[in-house]
Amino acid sequence: MIGIGIDTGGTCTDAVIFDTKSHEVLSQSKTLTTKQDLKIGILTALSGLDQDLARDAAYISLSTT
């Protein structure tokens, strides 16, 4: 199963596409956190991921600090 994970931290926002069967990171992206509007940083991080793999994701998970 393919999933997307996003972590919005104090400095950076990270996004990964992860294969839960092989425990492998298939694509990753990092951008600065946009504290004035978190969705800007989240969308920027998501746009840096492999879009073909992202379409196959069964779930998405978001965490923040």
Protein backbone atom coordinates (compact mmCIF):
# COMPACT_ATOMS: atom_id res chain seq x y z
CA MET A 1 0.00 0.00 0.00
CA ILE A 2 1.26 3.47 -0.87
CA GLY A 3 0.77 6.39 1.51
CA ILE A 4 1.76 10.04 1.76
CA GLY A 5 3.12 11.50 4.98
CA ILE A 6 3.49 15.22 5.68
CA ASP A 7 5.22 16.76 8.69
CA THR A 8 4.92 20.50 9.22
CA GLY A 9 7.63 21.56 11.66
CA GLY A 10 8.89 24.83 13.01
CA THR A 11 11.43 25.27 10.22
CA CYS A 12 10.68 22.78 7.43
CA THR A 13 7.75 20.92 5.98
CA ASP A 14 8.57 17.42 4.75
CA ALA A 15 6.53 15.13 2.53
CA VAL A 16 7.18 11.50 1.61
CA ILE A 17 5.55 8.77 -0.39
CA PHE A 18 5.99 5.50 1.49
CA ASP A 19 5.42 1.88 0.53
CA THR A 20 4.04 0.16 3.63
CA LYS A 21 4.83 -3.33 2.29
CA SER A 22 8.52 -2.78 1.50
CA HIS A 23 9.00 -0.03 4.14
CA GLU A 24 10.67 2.07 1.47
CA VAL A 25 10.51 5.82 0.90
CA LEU A 26 9.68 6.16 -2.80
CA SER A 27 9.75 9.95 -3.10
CA GLN A 28 10.55 12.83 -0.76
CA SER A 29 10.35 16.60 -0.69
CA LYS A 30 11.29 19.37 1.75
CA THR A 31 10.45 23.07 1.86
CA LEU A 32 10.44 25.87 4.40
CA THR A 33 7.40 26.01 6.68
CA THR A 34 5.17 28.96 5.87
CA LYS A 35 3.97 29.92 9.34
CA GLN A 36 1.67 32.65 8.04
CA ASP A 37 -0.28 30.04 6.02
CA LEU A 38 0.67 26.38 6.54
CA LYS A 39 -1.19 25.19 3.45
CA ILE A 40 1.31 27.02 1.20
CA GLY A 41 4.23 24.98 2.55
CA ILE A 42 2.18 21.77 2.52
CA LEU A 43 1.16 22.24 -1.12
CA THR A 44 4.73 23.14 -2.08
CA ALA A 45 6.07 19.99 -0.41
CA LEU A 46 3.39 17.87 -2.08
CA SER A 47 4.20 19.33 -5.49
CA GLY A 48 7.81 18.16 -5.06
CA LEU A 49 6.74 14.51 -4.85
CA ASP A 50 6.53 12.10 -7.78
CA GLN A 51 3.02 12.89 -9.03
CA ASP A 52 2.49 9.48 -10.67
CA LEU A 53 3.17 7.77 -7.34
CA ALA A 54 1.05 10.32 -5.47
CA ARG A 55 -1.98 9.36 -7.58
CA ASP A 56 -1.63 5.78 -6.32
CA ALA A 57 -1.68 6.76 -2.63
CA ALA A 58 -4.35 5.05 -0.55
CA TYR A 59 -4.04 7.49 2.34
CA ILE A 60 -2.44 10.72 3.50
CA SER A 61 -1.25 11.55 7.00
CA LEU A 62 -0.42 15.00 8.44
CA SER A 63 1.51 15.76 11.61
CA THR A 64 2.56 19.07 13.11
CA THR A 65 4.71 20.24 15.99
